[in-house]
Every structure is written in structure tokens, then in C-alpha cells.
Amino acid sequence: MNFDESQKIGQGSYGSVYLGHLKGTEVAIKQMMNTKSKEFLAELNILCKVHHTNLKMAHLVSICTTPV
């Protein structure tokens, strides 16, 4: 994933969200700033439960805790 500012679609308190492509499908990729906190685990838990009428599906595909 190229975390280029031109692909940035959002910013939250724990990281930025970028537009990406996975197997021909547009996806939102969140680059978290702090992965060793209770807040990270809480947000990860929320992201795993996201359901929204504007989304066809929301799945947590993977996480990587090493810097890119």
C-alpha cells in the first residue's frame, strides 16, 4: 500500500484512512499511529463490528503492527 496524501480520505484521532484496492475492490485502509494501547484494541473491536447501509460489506482483512 502506498500511503500517499493524494489517496487520503479521512483522519481520526488514532490514524489516517486511505483509499486502496484489494483484488479489484475499492477498500478503506486505516493506518493506525499507536498499536500498543487500550485505545487501539477498542477501535479494532469497533472496526470488526461495523455495519452501515452505505457499505456492501465491512471486513477486517488483516492488521500489521510493524511500521511501513
PDB file of N, CA and C in Angstrom:
ATOM      1  N   MET A   1       0.848  -1.183   0.000  1.00  0.00           N
ATOM      2  CA  MET A   1       0.000   0.000   0.000  1.00  0.00           C
ATOM      3  C   MET A   1       0.880   1.228   0.000  1.00  0.00           C
ATOM      4  N   ASN A   2       0.556   2.158  -0.855  1.00  0.00           N
ATOM      5  CA  ASN A   2       1.247   3.434  -0.911  1.00  0.00           C
ATOM      6  C   ASN A   2       0.429   4.447  -0.122  1.00  0.00           C
ATOM      7  N   PHE A   3       0.924   4.852   1.023  1.00  0.00           N
ATOM      8  CA  PHE A   3       0.196   5.809   1.860  1.00  0.00           C
ATOM      9  C   PHE A   3       0.494   7.228   1.392  1.00  0.00           C
ATOM     10  N   ASP A   4       0.051   7.537   0.178  1.00  0.00           N
ATOM     11  CA  ASP A   4       0.254   8.842  -0.431  1.00  0.00           C
ATOM     12  C   ASP A   4      -0.866   9.781  -0.002  1.00  0.00           C
ATOM     13  N   GLU A   5      -0.519  11.026   0.265  1.00  0.00           N
ATOM     14  CA  GLU A   5      -1.517  12.003   0.711  1.00  0.00           C
ATOM     15  C   GLU A   5      -2.661  12.157  -0.289  1.00  0.00           C
ATOM     16  N   SER A   6      -2.406  11.922  -1.571  1.00  0.00           N
ATOM     17  CA  SER A   6      -3.466  12.061  -2.580  1.00  0.00           C
ATOM     18  C   SER A   6      -4.534  10.979  -2.436  1.00  0.00           C
ATOM     19  N   GLN A   7      -4.222   9.885  -1.732  1.00  0.00           N
ATOM     20  CA  GLN A   7      -5.160   8.793  -1.514  1.00  0.00           C
ATOM     21  C   GLN A   7      -5.828   8.850  -0.145  1.00  0.00           C
ATOM     22  N   LYS A   8      -5.488   9.863   0.637  1.00  0.00           N
ATOM     23  CA  LYS A   8      -6.035  10.009   1.992  1.00  0.00           C
ATOM     24  C   LYS A   8      -7.494  10.448   1.908  1.00  0.00           C
ATOM     25  N   ILE A   9      -8.379   9.700   2.581  1.00  0.00           N
ATOM     26  CA  ILE A   9      -9.809  10.016   2.545  1.00  0.00           C
ATOM     27  C   ILE A   9     -10.366  10.371   3.918  1.00  0.00           C
ATOM     28  N   GLY A  10      -9.520  10.283   4.952  1.00  0.00           N
ATOM     29  CA  GLY A  10     -10.008  10.627   6.282  1.00  0.00           C
ATOM     30  C   GLY A  10      -8.891  10.662   7.303  1.00  0.00           C
ATOM     31  N   GLN A  11      -9.185  11.258   8.451  1.00  0.00           N
ATOM     32  CA  GLN A  11      -8.218  11.371   9.540  1.00  0.00           C
ATOM     33  C   GLN A  11      -8.972  11.254  10.842  1.00  0.00           C
ATOM     34  N   GLY A  12      -8.491  10.410  11.720  1.00  0.00           N
ATOM     35  CA  GLY A  12      -9.090  10.267  13.034  1.00  0.00           C
ATOM     36  C   GLY A  12      -8.049  10.483  14.103  1.00  0.00           C
ATOM     37  N   SER A  13      -8.442  10.324  15.335  1.00  0.00           N
ATOM     38  CA  SER A  13      -7.513  10.566  16.433  1.00  0.00           C
ATOM     39  C   SER A  13      -6.429   9.487  16.531  1.00  0.00           C
ATOM     40  N   TYR A  14      -6.665   8.314  15.926  1.00  0.00           N
ATOM     41  CA  TYR A  14      -5.674   7.234  16.016  1.00  0.00           C
ATOM     42  C   TYR A  14      -5.001   6.916  14.698  1.00  0.00           C
ATOM     43  N   GLY A  15      -5.305   7.659  13.637  1.00  0.00           N
ATOM     44  CA  GLY A  15      -4.634   7.397  12.382  1.00  0.00           C
ATOM     45  C   GLY A  15      -5.380   7.936  11.184  1.00  0.00           C
ATOM     46  N   SER A  16      -4.815   7.681  10.022  1.00  0.00           N
ATOM     47  CA  SER A  16      -5.370   8.157   8.764  1.00  0.00           C
ATOM     48  C   SER A  16      -6.016   7.012   8.000  1.00  0.00           C
ATOM     49  N   VAL A  17      -6.974   7.355   7.123  1.00  0.00           N
ATOM     50  CA  VAL A  17      -7.661   6.368   6.290  1.00  0.00           C
ATOM     51  C   VAL A  17      -7.351   6.695   4.837  1.00  0.00           C
ATOM     52  N   TYR A  18      -6.963   5.662   4.088  1.00  0.00           N
ATOM     53  CA  TYR A  18      -6.570   5.825   2.695  1.00  0.00           C
ATOM     54  C   TYR A  18      -7.426   4.945   1.802  1.00  0.00           C
ATOM     55  N   LEU A  19      -7.616   5.408   0.560  1.00  0.00           N
ATOM     56  CA  LEU A  19      -8.299   4.626  -0.453  1.00  0.00           C
ATOM     57  C   LEU A  19      -7.293   3.653  -1.046  1.00  0.00           C
ATOM     58  N   GLY A  20      -7.689   2.401  -1.165  1.00  0.00           N
ATOM     59  CA  GLY A  20      -6.824   1.393  -1.764  1.00  0.00           C
ATOM     60  C   GLY A  20      -7.638   0.424  -2.587  1.00  0.00           C
ATOM     61  N   HIS A  21      -6.956  -0.529  -3.175  1.00  0.00           N
ATOM     62  CA  HIS A  21      -7.622  -1.563  -3.974  1.00  0.00           C
ATOM     63  C   HIS A  21      -7.113  -2.927  -3.524  1.00  0.00           C
ATOM     64  N   LEU A  22      -8.040  -3.856  -3.365  1.00  0.00           N
ATOM     65  CA  LEU A  22      -7.712  -5.215  -2.962  1.00  0.00           C
ATOM     66  C   LEU A  22      -8.519  -6.167  -3.836  1.00  0.00           C
ATOM     67  N   LYS A  23      -7.820  -6.932  -4.661  1.00  0.00           N
ATOM     68  CA  LYS A  23      -8.469  -7.883  -5.570  1.00  0.00           C
ATOM     69  C   LYS A  23      -9.555  -7.210  -6.406  1.00  0.00           C
ATOM     70  N   GLY A  24      -9.276  -6.006  -6.926  1.00  0.00           N
ATOM     71  CA  GLY A  24     -10.213  -5.309  -7.795  1.00  0.00           C
ATOM     72  C   GLY A  24     -11.333  -4.572  -7.093  1.00  0.00           C
ATOM     73  N   THR A  25     -11.309  -4.521  -5.774  1.00  0.00           N
ATOM     74  CA  THR A  25     -12.352  -3.851  -4.999  1.00  0.00           C
ATOM     75  C   THR A  25     -11.756  -2.661  -4.261  1.00  0.00           C
ATOM     76  N   GLU A  26     -12.460  -1.518  -4.301  1.00  0.00           N
ATOM     77  CA  GLU A  26     -12.016  -0.371  -3.528  1.00  0.00           C
ATOM     78  C   GLU A  26     -12.186  -0.668  -2.048  1.00  0.00           C
ATOM     79  N   VAL A  27     -11.166  -0.335  -1.279  1.00  0.00           N
ATOM     80  CA  VAL A  27     -11.197  -0.574   0.164  1.00  0.00           C
ATOM     81  C   VAL A  27     -10.674   0.662   0.895  1.00  0.00           C
ATOM     82  N   ALA A  28     -11.057   0.792   2.133  1.00  0.00           N
ATOM     83  CA  ALA A  28     -10.512   1.823   3.012  1.00  0.00           C
ATOM     84  C   ALA A  28      -9.484   1.153   3.900  1.00  0.00           C
ATOM     85  N   ILE A  29      -8.289   1.719   3.941  1.00  0.00           N
ATOM     86  CA  ILE A  29      -7.205   1.154   4.738  1.00  0.00           C
ATOM     87  C   ILE A  29      -6.827   2.156   5.808  1.00  0.00           C
ATOM     88  N   LYS A  30      -6.915   1.729   7.055  1.00  0.00           N
ATOM     89  CA  LYS A  30      -6.593   2.621   8.165  1.00  0.00           C
ATOM     90  C   LYS A  30      -5.166   2.362   8.614  1.00  0.00           C
ATOM     91  N   GLN A  31      -4.381   3.419   8.641  1.00  0.00           N
ATOM     92  CA  GLN A  31      -3.010   3.346   9.141  1.00  0.00           C
ATOM     93  C   GLN A  31      -3.038   3.912  10.559  1.00  0.00           C
ATOM     94  N   MET A  32      -2.974   3.016  11.534  1.00  0.00           N
ATOM     95  CA  MET A  32      -3.062   3.427  12.926  1.00  0.00           C
ATOM     96  C   MET A  32      -1.705   3.951  13.390  1.00  0.00           C
ATOM     97  N   MET A  33      -1.728   4.979  14.240  1.00  0.00           N
ATOM     98  CA  MET A  33      -0.485   5.570  14.737  1.00  0.00           C
ATOM     99  C   MET A  33       0.042   4.857  15.971  1.00  0.00           C
ATOM    100  N   ASN A  34      -0.822   4.375  16.824  1.00  0.00           N
ATOM    101  CA  ASN A  34      -0.388   3.758  18.074  1.00  0.00           C
ATOM    102  C   ASN A  34      -1.070   2.404  18.206  1.00  0.00           C
ATOM    103  N   THR A  35      -0.292   1.322  18.154  1.00  0.00           N
ATOM    104  CA  THR A  35      -0.878  -0.014  18.183  1.00  0.00           C
ATOM    105  C   THR A  35      -0.671  -0.725  19.522  1.00  0.00           C
ATOM    106  N   LYS A  36      -0.124  -0.044  20.501  1.00  0.00           N
ATOM    107  CA  LYS A  36       0.156  -0.704  21.774  1.00  0.00           C
ATOM    108  C   LYS A  36      -0.665  -0.140  22.914  1.00  0.00           C
ATOM    109  N   SER A  37      -1.838   0.339  22.595  1.00  0.00           N
ATOM    110  CA  SER A  37      -2.640   0.972  23.630  1.00  0.00           C
ATOM    111  C   SER A  37      -4.009   0.308  23.751  1.00  0.00           C
ATOM    112  N   LYS A  38      -4.664   0.579  24.847  1.00  0.00           N
ATOM    113  CA  LYS A  38      -6.034   0.110  25.039  1.00  0.00           C
ATOM    114  C   LYS A  38      -6.951   0.707  23.985  1.00  0.00           C
ATOM    115  N   GLU A  39      -6.660   1.950  23.586  1.00  0.00           N
ATOM    116  CA  GLU A  39      -7.472   2.622  22.580  1.00  0.00           C
ATOM    117  C   GLU A  39      -7.417   1.889  21.246  1.00  0.00           C
ATOM    118  N   PHE A  40      -6.225   1.386  20.882  1.00  0.00           N
ATOM    119  CA  PHE A  40      -6.084   0.633  19.636  1.00  0.00           C
ATOM    120  C   PHE A  40      -6.965  -0.612  19.675  1.00  0.00           C
ATOM    121  N   LEU A  41      -6.919  -1.351  20.757  1.00  0.00           N
ATOM    122  CA  LEU A  41      -7.724  -2.568  20.876  1.00  0.00           C
ATOM    123  C   LEU A  41      -9.212  -2.240  20.863  1.00  0.00           C
ATOM    124  N   ALA A  42      -9.599  -1.137  21.493  1.00  0.00           N
ATOM    125  CA  ALA A  42     -11.006  -0.734  21.498  1.00  0.00           C
ATOM    126  C   ALA A  42     -11.457  -0.367  20.080  1.00  0.00           C
ATOM    127  N   GLU A  43     -10.631   0.383  19.346  1.00  0.00           N
ATOM    128  CA  GLU A  43     -11.008   0.757  17.982  1.00  0.00           C
ATOM    129  C   GLU A  43     -11.034  -0.464  17.069  1.00  0.00           C
ATOM    130  N   LEU A  44     -10.095  -1.367  17.231  1.00  0.00           N
ATOM    131  CA  LEU A  44     -10.078  -2.598  16.449  1.00  0.00           C
ATOM    132  C   LEU A  44     -11.353  -3.398  16.694  1.00  0.00           C
ATOM    133  N   ASN A  45     -11.774  -3.468  17.932  1.00  0.00           N
ATOM    134  CA  ASN A  45     -13.012  -4.165  18.277  1.00  0.00           C
ATOM    135  C   ASN A  45     -14.213  -3.514  17.587  1.00  0.00           C
ATOM    136  N   ILE A  46     -14.252  -2.195  17.574  1.00  0.00           N
ATOM    137  CA  ILE A  46     -15.351  -1.479  16.909  1.00  0.00           C
ATOM    138  C   ILE A  46     -15.312  -1.719  15.409  1.00  0.00           C
ATOM    139  N   LEU A  47     -14.120  -1.622  14.798  1.00  0.00           N
ATOM    140  CA  LEU A  47     -13.999  -1.811  13.349  1.00  0.00           C
ATOM    141  C   LEU A  47     -14.459  -3.203  12.918  1.00  0.00           C
ATOM    142  N   CYS A  48     -14.275  -4.184  13.769  1.00  0.00           N
ATOM    143  CA  CYS A  48     -14.699  -5.553  13.443  1.00  0.00           C
ATOM    144  C   CYS A  48     -16.219  -5.687  13.444  1.00  0.00           C
ATOM    145  N   LYS A  49     -16.918  -4.746  14.061  1.00  0.00           N
ATOM    146  CA  LYS A  49     -18.371  -4.833  14.188  1.00  0.00           C
ATOM    147  C   LYS A  49     -19.112  -3.821  13.318  1.00  0.00           C
ATOM    148  N   VAL A  50     -18.385  -3.103  12.459  1.00  0.00           N
ATOM    149  CA  VAL A  50     -19.003  -2.038  11.664  1.00  0.00           C
ATOM    150  C   VAL A  50     -20.039  -2.599  10.700  1.00  0.00           C
ATOM    151  N   HIS A  51     -21.224  -2.021  10.728  1.00  0.00           N
ATOM    152  CA  HIS A  51     -22.288  -2.327   9.772  1.00  0.00           C
ATOM    153  C   HIS A  51     -22.928  -0.999   9.392  1.00  0.00           C
ATOM    154  N   HIS A  52     -22.993  -0.719   8.104  1.00  0.00           N
ATOM    155  CA  HIS A  52     -23.561   0.545   7.650  1.00  0.00           C
ATOM    156  C   HIS A  52     -24.299   0.310   6.343  1.00  0.00           C
ATOM    157  N   THR A  53     -25.423   0.970   6.158  1.00  0.00           N
ATOM    158  CA  THR A  53     -26.243   0.742   4.971  1.00  0.00           C
ATOM    159  C   THR A  53     -25.539   1.167   3.682  1.00  0.00           C
ATOM    160  N   ASN A  54     -24.576   2.073   3.748  1.00  0.00           N
ATOM    161  CA  ASN A  54     -23.854   2.510   2.557  1.00  0.00           C
ATOM    162  C   ASN A  54     -22.697   1.583   2.193  1.00  0.00           C
ATOM    163  N   LEU A  55     -22.442   0.602   3.012  1.00  0.00           N
ATOM    164  CA  LEU A  55     -21.346  -0.333   2.749  1.00  0.00           C
ATOM    165  C   LEU A  55     -21.908  -1.671   2.305  1.00  0.00           C
ATOM    166  N   LYS A  56     -21.330  -2.234   1.239  1.00  0.00           N
ATOM    167  CA  LYS A  56     -21.748  -3.572   0.814  1.00  0.00           C
ATOM    168  C   LYS A  56     -21.325  -4.590   1.849  1.00  0.00           C
ATOM    169  N   MET A  57     -20.103  -4.451   2.332  1.00  0.00           N
ATOM    170  CA  MET A  57     -19.624  -5.324   3.381  1.00  0.00           C
ATOM    171  C   MET A  57     -18.440  -4.653   4.047  1.00  0.00           C
ATOM    172  N   ALA A  58     -18.237  -4.952   5.282  1.00  0.00           N
ATOM    173  CA  ALA A  58     -17.083  -4.422   6.012  1.00  0.00           C
ATOM    174  C   ALA A  58     -16.433  -5.579   6.729  1.00  0.00           C
ATOM    175  N   HIS A  59     -15.220  -5.871   6.345  1.00  0.00           N
ATOM    176  CA  HIS A  59     -14.489  -6.965   6.966  1.00  0.00           C
ATOM    177  C   HIS A  59     -13.106  -6.487   7.354  1.00  0.00           C
ATOM    178  N   LEU A  60     -12.647  -6.923   8.487  1.00  0.00           N
ATOM    179  CA  LEU A  60     -11.260  -6.714   8.836  1.00  0.00           C
ATOM    180  C   LEU A  60     -10.475  -7.803   8.138  1.00  0.00           C
ATOM    181  N   VAL A  61      -9.620  -7.400   7.212  1.00  0.00           N
ATOM    182  CA  VAL A  61      -8.872  -8.378   6.437  1.00  0.00           C
ATOM    183  C   VAL A  61      -7.596  -8.757   7.151  1.00  0.00           C
ATOM    184  N   SER A  62      -6.874  -7.756   7.639  1.00  0.00           N
ATOM    185  CA  SER A  62      -5.587  -8.035   8.262  1.00  0.00           C
ATOM    186  C   SER A  62      -5.117  -6.825   9.019  1.00  0.00           C
ATOM    187  N   ILE A  63      -4.203  -7.051   9.943  1.00  0.00           N
ATOM    188  CA  ILE A  63      -3.519  -5.944  10.581  1.00  0.00           C
ATOM    189  C   ILE A  63      -2.026  -6.234  10.545  1.00  0.00           C
ATOM    190  N   CYS A  64      -1.254  -5.191  10.520  1.00  0.00           N
ATOM    191  CA  CYS A  64       0.198  -5.293  10.568  1.00  0.00           C
ATOM    192  C   CYS A  64       0.664  -4.330  11.632  1.00  0.00           C
ATOM    193  N   THR A  65       1.388  -4.807  12.628  1.00  0.00           N
ATOM    194  CA  THR A  65       1.780  -3.940  13.729  1.00  0.00           C
ATOM    195  C   THR A  65       3.201  -3.429  13.599  1.00  0.00           C
ATOM    196  N   THR A  66       3.852  -3.703  12.477  1.00  0.00           N
ATOM    197  CA  THR A  66       5.189  -3.162  12.258  1.00  0.00           C
ATOM    198  C   THR A  66       5.105  -1.933  11.371  1.00  0.00           C
ATOM    199  N   PRO A  67       5.976  -0.970  11.582  1.00  0.00           N
ATOM    200  CA  PRO A  67       5.942   0.250  10.763  1.00  0.00           C
ATOM    201  C   PRO A  67       6.222  -0.057   9.289  1.00  0.00           C
ATOM    202  N   VAL A  68       5.563   0.720   8.420  1.00  0.00           N
ATOM    203  CA  VAL A  68       5.809   0.577   6.971  1.00  0.00           C
ATOM    204  C   VAL A  68       6.640   1.726   6.475  1.00  0.00           C
TER     205      VAL A  68
END
